[in-house]
């Protein structure tokens, strides 16, 4: 049986989805203001907003399925970015008065929404998004959401003044989404925690605890996936952008294996790991990034296959899933499709 394939989250927005997208705004005047313009753009779409976003979701899903992906995502077409979309559905967060914050160990500065009071959720939003995406395919659609520690890092906390406590309350809001998705029939739920790789000490101190809060009560038939990439660049083909330390995955491996995480997504294409990293995972599935999301060169089928075969020296085929390193939003549609088609062909070629 061929290896399974999946995508991680974002897919390039079609041109007719005229909404802000942090993948396309890095060099514009609002690069440091990733949440600016979303409400106005949604208002400009008017009565056609749902139809436009449904059509964009359809095209993203069908592109992935057509490229041979077994477990596609909704493409996050409705989101300006994978973090703040969820935050817009919470109370206690001010999107009107933004606050300057230095992020990613000084890599860049952004003006971000602020925590102004207790964080809570009134109504889950992702069940609707999953229903729309799932209506276009018989493949099981995976829904993604930001993790508590990563959300904490991308907001300005003017209320809790304690990342562990803030993360705990954010985890409770995520848990509402998780349980609603499970009840609706979604069988693949992914929480993104790239900050785990950037700050493994905090992840081990309290990050995994809050992650468990987010998944609490999730039924056994739902695959609980966690994505831990090492950082996004500001543009394609920038080889020197800041990345998490190489040893971070090794620091986290035992905690991942002993947690309730059923599948962990790690990047390997942009910067290869020592594949002995896979050996601590005796029950956890590994979603291995084998195509880069920040390089315009399309990896060949043979290159991808060779890396997957190397990984199979350290993990059994039933627990290895092939994927991109992270979301595909930087690539544009043509590059994304080229990489996904080669990824799928390589995975299918492995008996």
Protein backbone atom coordinates (compact mmCIF):
# COMPACT_ATOMS: atom_id res chain seq x y z
CA UNK A 1 0.00 0.00 0.00
CA UNK A 2 1.40 3.41 -1.01
CA UNK A 3 2.31 5.99 1.60
CA UNK A 4 -0.46 8.42 2.49
CA UNK A 5 -0.11 12.08 1.58
CA UNK A 6 -1.47 15.24 3.18
CA UNK A 7 -1.06 18.99 3.11
CA UNK A 8 -0.44 21.15 6.16
CA UNK A 9 -2.78 24.12 5.97
CA UNK A 10 -2.71 27.15 3.68
CA UNK A 11 -3.14 26.92 -0.09
CA UNK A 12 -2.64 29.92 -2.43
CA UNK A 13 -5.79 32.02 -2.56
CA UNK A 14 -7.36 32.29 -6.01
CA UNK A 15 -7.10 35.78 -7.49
CA UNK A 16 -10.84 36.36 -7.22
CA UNK A 17 -10.70 35.99 -3.42
CA UNK A 18 -9.88 39.65 -2.84
CA UNK A 19 -8.93 39.41 0.81
CA UNK A 20 -5.74 40.27 2.69
CA UNK A 21 -3.29 37.39 2.90
CA UNK A 22 -0.10 37.55 4.92
CA UNK A 23 1.66 35.36 2.35
CA UNK A 24 1.29 38.09 -0.25
CA UNK A 25 1.78 41.25 1.86
CA UNK A 26 5.32 40.97 3.20
CA UNK A 27 6.69 43.85 1.15
CA UNK A 28 3.58 46.07 1.16
CA UNK A 29 2.79 49.03 3.41
CA UNK A 30 0.85 46.84 5.83
CA UNK A 31 3.49 44.11 6.15
CA UNK A 32 3.86 44.86 9.86
CA UNK A 33 0.09 45.01 10.34
CA UNK A 34 -1.08 41.49 9.41
CA UNK A 35 -4.69 41.99 10.53
CA UNK A 36 -5.35 45.34 8.82
CA UNK A 37 -7.96 45.49 6.07
CA UNK A 38 -9.72 42.18 6.68
CA UNK A 39 -13.02 43.57 7.93
CA UNK A 40 -13.12 46.17 5.15
CA UNK A 41 -12.37 43.56 2.48
CA UNK A 42 -15.10 41.28 3.78
CA UNK A 43 -17.53 44.19 3.74
CA UNK A 44 -16.52 45.00 0.16
CA UNK A 45 -17.43 41.47 -0.91
CA UNK A 46 -20.93 42.20 0.36
CA UNK A 47 -23.66 39.68 -0.31
CA UNK A 48 -21.32 37.64 -2.49
CA UNK A 49 -18.85 36.94 0.34
CA UNK A 50 -20.03 33.42 1.16
CA UNK A 51 -20.24 32.43 -2.51
CA UNK A 52 -16.74 33.76 -3.22
CA UNK A 53 -15.20 32.04 -0.20
CA UNK A 54 -17.03 28.78 -0.90
CA UNK A 55 -15.78 28.85 -4.50
CA UNK A 56 -12.23 29.57 -3.32
CA UNK A 57 -12.42 26.69 -0.87
CA UNK A 58 -13.74 24.40 -3.60
CA UNK A 59 -10.88 25.27 -5.93
CA UNK A 60 -8.28 24.75 -3.19
CA UNK A 61 -9.71 21.36 -2.22
CA UNK A 62 -10.08 20.15 -5.80
CA UNK A 63 -6.53 21.23 -6.65
CA UNK A 64 -5.17 19.16 -3.78
CA UNK A 65 -7.31 16.14 -4.57
CA UNK A 66 -6.50 16.41 -8.27
CA UNK A 67 -2.80 16.44 -7.41
CA UNK A 68 -3.24 13.13 -5.59
CA UNK A 69 -3.40 14.27 -1.95
CA UNK A 70 -5.17 11.76 0.31
CA UNK A 71 -5.95 14.10 3.21
CA UNK A 72 -6.45 17.66 1.91
CA UNK A 73 -7.18 20.77 3.97
CA UNK A 74 -9.71 23.52 3.31
CA UNK A 75 -6.78 25.65 2.15
CA UNK A 76 -7.47 28.23 4.88
CA UNK A 77 -8.97 30.37 2.11
CA UNK A 78 -11.21 32.23 4.56
CA UNK A 79 -8.28 33.35 6.73
CA UNK A 80 -5.96 36.34 6.58
CA UNK A 81 -3.55 34.10 8.47
CA UNK A 82 -3.85 30.88 10.38
CA UNK A 83 -3.74 32.51 13.82
CA UNK A 84 -5.86 35.65 13.82
CA UNK A 85 -8.85 34.11 12.02
CA UNK A 86 -9.57 32.05 15.12
CA UNK A 87 -8.88 35.05 17.35
CA UNK A 88 -11.55 37.09 15.56
CA UNK A 89 -14.15 34.70 16.91
CA UNK A 90 -13.11 35.22 20.54
CA UNK A 91 -14.04 37.77 23.15
CA UNK A 92 -11.38 39.68 25.06
CA UNK A 93 -9.23 40.52 21.99
CA UNK A 94 -9.04 44.04 20.54
CA UNK A 95 -8.44 44.18 16.78
CA UNK A 96 -8.99 47.92 16.49
CA UNK A 97 -6.15 49.20 18.67
CA UNK A 98 -3.00 47.37 17.61
CA UNK A 99 0.15 47.15 19.70
CA UNK A 100 3.74 46.91 18.47
CA UNK A 101 5.52 43.65 19.34
CA UNK A 102 8.91 42.18 18.44
CA UNK A 103 8.52 38.57 17.30
CA UNK A 104 10.51 35.41 16.52
CA UNK A 105 13.58 36.28 18.56
CA UNK A 106 13.82 39.73 17.01
CA UNK A 107 13.36 38.55 13.41
CA UNK A 108 10.58 41.07 12.75
CA UNK A 109 8.18 43.57 14.32
CA UNK A 110 4.41 43.62 13.92
CA UNK A 111 1.40 45.54 15.19
CA UNK A 112 -0.88 42.96 16.73
CA UNK A 113 -4.28 42.59 18.41
CA UNK A 114 -4.26 42.92 22.20
CA UNK A 115 -5.70 40.82 24.99
CA UNK A 116 -7.90 43.21 26.96
CA UNK A 117 -9.92 40.82 29.15
CA UNK A 118 -10.74 37.17 29.77
CA UNK A 119 -10.63 35.17 26.54
CA UNK A 120 -13.64 33.05 25.65
CA UNK A 121 -15.51 31.74 22.62
CA UNK A 122 -19.15 32.37 21.83
CA UNK A 123 -19.69 30.26 18.74
CA UNK A 124 -17.31 27.84 16.94
CA UNK A 125 -16.57 28.79 13.32
CA UNK A 126 -14.53 25.92 11.93
CA UNK A 127 -17.37 23.40 11.69
CA UNK A 128 -18.94 25.53 8.97
CA UNK A 129 -15.61 25.75 7.15
CA UNK A 130 -15.16 21.98 7.34
CA UNK A 131 -18.68 21.26 6.02
CA UNK A 132 -18.06 23.53 3.03
CA UNK A 133 -14.69 21.95 2.21
CA UNK A 134 -15.88 18.38 2.80
CA UNK A 135 -18.83 18.87 0.43
CA UNK A 136 -16.42 19.00 -2.53
CA UNK A 137 -14.65 15.67 -2.03
CA UNK A 138 -15.00 12.17 -0.68
CA UNK A 139 -11.45 12.41 0.71
CA UNK A 140 -11.36 13.20 4.45
CA UNK A 141 -10.71 16.94 4.83
CA UNK A 142 -8.40 17.99 7.66
CA UNK A 143 -9.13 21.20 9.55
CA UNK A 144 -6.30 23.19 11.09
CA UNK A 145 -6.17 25.68 13.95
CA UNK A 146 -3.43 27.57 15.79
CA UNK A 147 -2.07 26.19 19.04
CA UNK A 148 -2.29 28.01 22.40
CA UNK A 149 1.42 28.78 22.72
CA UNK A 150 1.71 30.05 19.15
CA UNK A 151 -1.41 32.19 19.57
CA UNK A 152 0.01 33.67 22.76
CA UNK A 153 3.17 34.67 20.91
CA UNK A 154 1.19 36.43 18.17
CA UNK A 155 -1.00 38.54 20.44
CA UNK A 156 -0.11 41.30 22.89
CA UNK A 157 -1.12 40.30 26.42
CA UNK A 158 -2.33 43.35 28.31
CA UNK A 159 -4.50 41.35 30.69
CA UNK A 160 -3.14 37.99 31.88
CA UNK A 161 0.55 38.91 31.99
CA UNK A 162 1.20 35.18 32.15
CA UNK A 163 1.64 33.09 28.96
CA UNK A 164 0.75 29.82 30.68
CA UNK A 165 -2.58 31.15 32.02
CA UNK A 166 -3.40 32.88 28.74
CA UNK A 167 -2.54 29.68 26.88
CA UNK A 168 -4.84 27.67 29.15
CA UNK A 169 -7.81 29.92 28.35
CA UNK A 170 -6.99 29.91 24.64
CA UNK A 171 -6.82 26.11 24.81
CA UNK A 172 -10.36 26.06 26.18
CA UNK A 173 -11.59 28.00 23.14
CA UNK A 174 -9.79 25.58 20.84
CA UNK A 175 -11.36 22.66 22.66
CA UNK A 176 -14.82 24.01 21.81
CA UNK A 177 -13.82 23.95 18.14
CA UNK A 178 -12.25 20.49 18.40
CA UNK A 179 -15.32 18.91 19.99
CA UNK A 180 -17.71 20.62 17.57
CA UNK A 181 -15.68 19.38 14.60
CA UNK A 182 -15.61 15.85 16.00
CA UNK A 183 -19.39 15.87 16.48
CA UNK A 184 -19.84 17.09 12.92
CA UNK A 185 -17.82 14.16 11.57
CA UNK A 186 -14.38 15.66 10.93
CA UNK A 187 -11.79 12.91 11.38
CA UNK A 188 -8.55 14.86 11.05
CA UNK A 189 -7.92 17.87 13.32
CA UNK A 190 -4.55 19.59 13.33
CA UNK A 191 -3.26 22.09 15.86
CA UNK A 192 -0.29 24.15 14.70
CA UNK A 193 2.43 24.82 17.28
CA UNK A 194 5.51 26.07 15.43
CA UNK A 195 6.52 27.91 18.59
CA UNK A 196 7.25 24.54 20.20
CA UNK A 197 10.30 24.20 17.94
CA UNK A 198 11.38 27.78 18.60
CA UNK A 199 10.99 27.52 22.37
CA UNK A 200 11.18 23.86 23.39
CA UNK A 201 11.83 24.75 27.03
CA UNK A 202 8.48 26.55 27.33
CA UNK A 203 6.80 23.79 25.32
CA UNK A 204 7.99 21.22 27.83
CA UNK A 205 7.22 23.44 30.83
CA UNK A 206 3.59 24.18 29.96
CA UNK A 207 3.00 24.03 26.19
CA UNK A 208 2.15 20.33 26.04
CA UNK A 209 -0.16 20.71 29.05
CA UNK A 210 -2.18 23.39 27.26
CA UNK A 211 -2.13 21.37 24.05
CA UNK A 212 -3.74 18.50 25.95
CA UNK A 213 -6.40 20.95 27.15
CA UNK A 214 -7.16 21.83 23.55
CA UNK A 215 -7.65 18.16 22.60
CA UNK A 216 -9.39 17.14 25.85
CA UNK A 217 -12.31 14.81 25.20
CA UNK A 218 -11.52 14.41 21.51
CA UNK A 219 -12.89 10.99 20.53
CA UNK A 220 -10.53 8.18 19.59
CA UNK A 221 -11.70 8.00 15.96
CA UNK A 222 -10.39 11.52 15.32
CA UNK A 223 -6.71 11.76 14.40
CA UNK A 224 -5.15 14.37 16.68
CA UNK A 225 -2.38 15.97 14.63
CA UNK A 226 0.12 18.62 15.71
CA UNK A 227 2.24 20.59 13.25
CA UNK A 228 5.64 21.88 14.40
CA UNK A 229 7.52 23.65 11.62
CA UNK A 230 10.71 25.66 12.22
CA UNK A 231 9.59 29.06 10.90
CA UNK A 232 8.33 30.90 7.81
CA UNK A 233 10.46 33.16 5.60
CA UNK A 234 9.38 36.58 4.38
CA UNK A 235 9.68 35.58 0.73
CA UNK A 236 10.59 32.74 -1.61
CA UNK A 237 14.22 31.73 -2.10
CA UNK A 238 15.56 33.45 0.98
CA UNK A 239 18.05 30.90 2.33
CA UNK A 240 19.00 32.79 5.47
CA UNK A 241 15.70 33.38 7.23
CA UNK A 242 15.68 32.57 10.98
CA UNK A 243 14.89 28.96 11.82
CA UNK A 244 14.41 27.04 15.04
CA UNK A 245 17.49 25.23 16.32
CA UNK A 246 18.28 21.90 14.67
CA UNK A 247 18.15 20.05 17.99
CA UNK A 248 14.63 21.27 18.87
CA UNK A 249 12.84 18.22 17.44
CA UNK A 250 15.12 15.90 19.40
CA UNK A 251 14.31 17.84 22.59
CA UNK A 252 10.58 17.43 21.95
CA UNK A 253 10.44 13.86 20.63
CA UNK A 254 9.89 12.00 23.91
CA UNK A 255 7.18 14.42 25.05
CA UNK A 256 5.42 14.04 21.71
CA UNK A 257 5.51 10.26 21.93
CA UNK A 258 4.13 10.22 25.49
CA UNK A 259 1.36 12.74 24.75
CA UNK A 260 -2.06 12.17 23.20
CA UNK A 261 -0.74 13.40 19.84
CA UNK A 262 -1.43 10.76 17.20
CA UNK A 263 0.45 12.35 14.29
CA UNK A 264 3.23 14.94 14.37
CA UNK A 265 4.12 17.08 11.36
CA UNK A 266 7.78 18.08 11.08
CA UNK A 267 9.69 19.84 8.32
CA UNK A 268 12.60 18.11 6.62
CA UNK A 269 12.80 19.49 3.07
CA UNK A 270 14.19 22.97 3.66
CA UNK A 271 16.78 21.64 6.10
CA UNK A 272 17.25 17.89 6.43
CA UNK A 273 17.10 16.29 9.85
CA UNK A 274 19.19 13.45 11.16
CA UNK A 275 16.54 10.82 10.43
CA UNK A 276 17.33 8.94 13.62
CA UNK A 277 14.92 11.57 14.97
CA UNK A 278 12.09 9.29 13.78
CA UNK A 279 13.08 6.37 15.99
CA UNK A 280 11.59 7.58 19.31
CA UNK A 281 8.17 7.58 17.63
CA UNK A 282 7.00 4.05 18.31
CA UNK A 283 3.26 4.74 18.15
CA UNK A 284 3.04 8.30 16.79
CA UNK A 285 2.65 8.80 13.06
CA UNK A 286 5.14 11.17 11.44
CA UNK A 287 4.05 13.59 8.72
CA UNK A 288 7.37 14.30 7.06
CA UNK A 289 7.90 17.47 5.03
CA UNK A 290 9.54 16.37 1.79
CA UNK A 291 8.89 19.41 -0.41
CA UNK A 292 9.99 22.92 0.58
CA UNK A 293 7.45 25.71 0.82
CA UNK A 294 9.95 28.57 0.55
CA UNK A 295 11.92 27.45 -2.51
CA UNK A 296 10.70 27.97 -6.05
CA UNK A 297 12.53 24.92 -7.37
CA UNK A 298 10.19 21.95 -7.76
CA UNK A 299 11.70 18.81 -6.24
CA UNK A 300 11.82 15.84 -8.61
CA UNK A 301 9.88 12.66 -7.99
CA UNK A 302 13.14 10.74 -7.59
CA UNK A 303 14.48 13.20 -4.98
CA UNK A 304 11.31 12.99 -2.93
CA UNK A 305 11.17 9.22 -3.22
CA UNK A 306 14.79 8.89 -2.13
CA UNK A 307 14.14 10.89 1.05
CA UNK A 308 11.04 8.88 1.89
CA UNK A 309 12.94 5.62 1.38
CA UNK A 310 15.66 6.91 3.73
CA UNK A 311 13.01 7.73 6.34
CA UNK A 312 11.65 4.18 6.10
CA UNK A 313 14.94 2.92 7.54
CA UNK A 314 13.82 4.55 10.81
CA UNK A 315 10.01 4.22 10.87
CA UNK A 316 7.55 1.72 9.45
CA UNK A 317 5.56 2.63 6.35
CA UNK A 318 2.22 2.49 8.15
CA UNK A 319 3.21 5.45 10.29
CA UNK A 320 4.93 7.65 7.68
CA UNK A 321 2.90 10.26 5.79
CA UNK A 322 4.38 12.46 3.05
CA UNK A 323 3.66 16.19 3.03
CA UNK A 324 5.07 19.65 2.34
CA UNK A 325 7.09 21.27 5.12
CA UNK A 326 4.30 23.73 5.92
CA UNK A 327 1.53 25.72 4.21
CA UNK A 328 1.81 26.47 0.49
CA UNK A 329 0.66 30.09 0.42
CA UNK A 330 4.00 31.58 -0.64
CA UNK A 331 4.34 29.41 -3.71
CA UNK A 332 1.45 30.47 -5.88
CA UNK A 333 -0.81 27.93 -7.56
CA UNK A 334 1.48 26.65 -10.34
CA UNK A 335 4.44 25.91 -8.06
CA UNK A 336 2.17 24.43 -5.38
CA UNK A 337 0.56 22.06 -7.89
CA UNK A 338 3.92 21.03 -9.33
CA UNK A 339 5.27 20.15 -5.91
CA UNK A 340 2.10 18.32 -4.82
CA UNK A 341 1.94 16.23 -7.99
CA UNK A 342 5.54 15.10 -7.59
CA UNK A 343 4.99 14.47 -3.90
CA UNK A 344 1.99 12.25 -4.63
CA UNK A 345 3.75 10.36 -7.42
CA UNK A 346 6.75 9.69 -5.20
CA UNK A 347 4.57 8.43 -2.34
CA UNK A 348 2.59 6.17 -4.67
CA UNK A 349 5.79 4.67 -6.04
CA UNK A 350 6.78 3.21 -2.68
CA UNK A 351 5.30 -0.27 -2.16
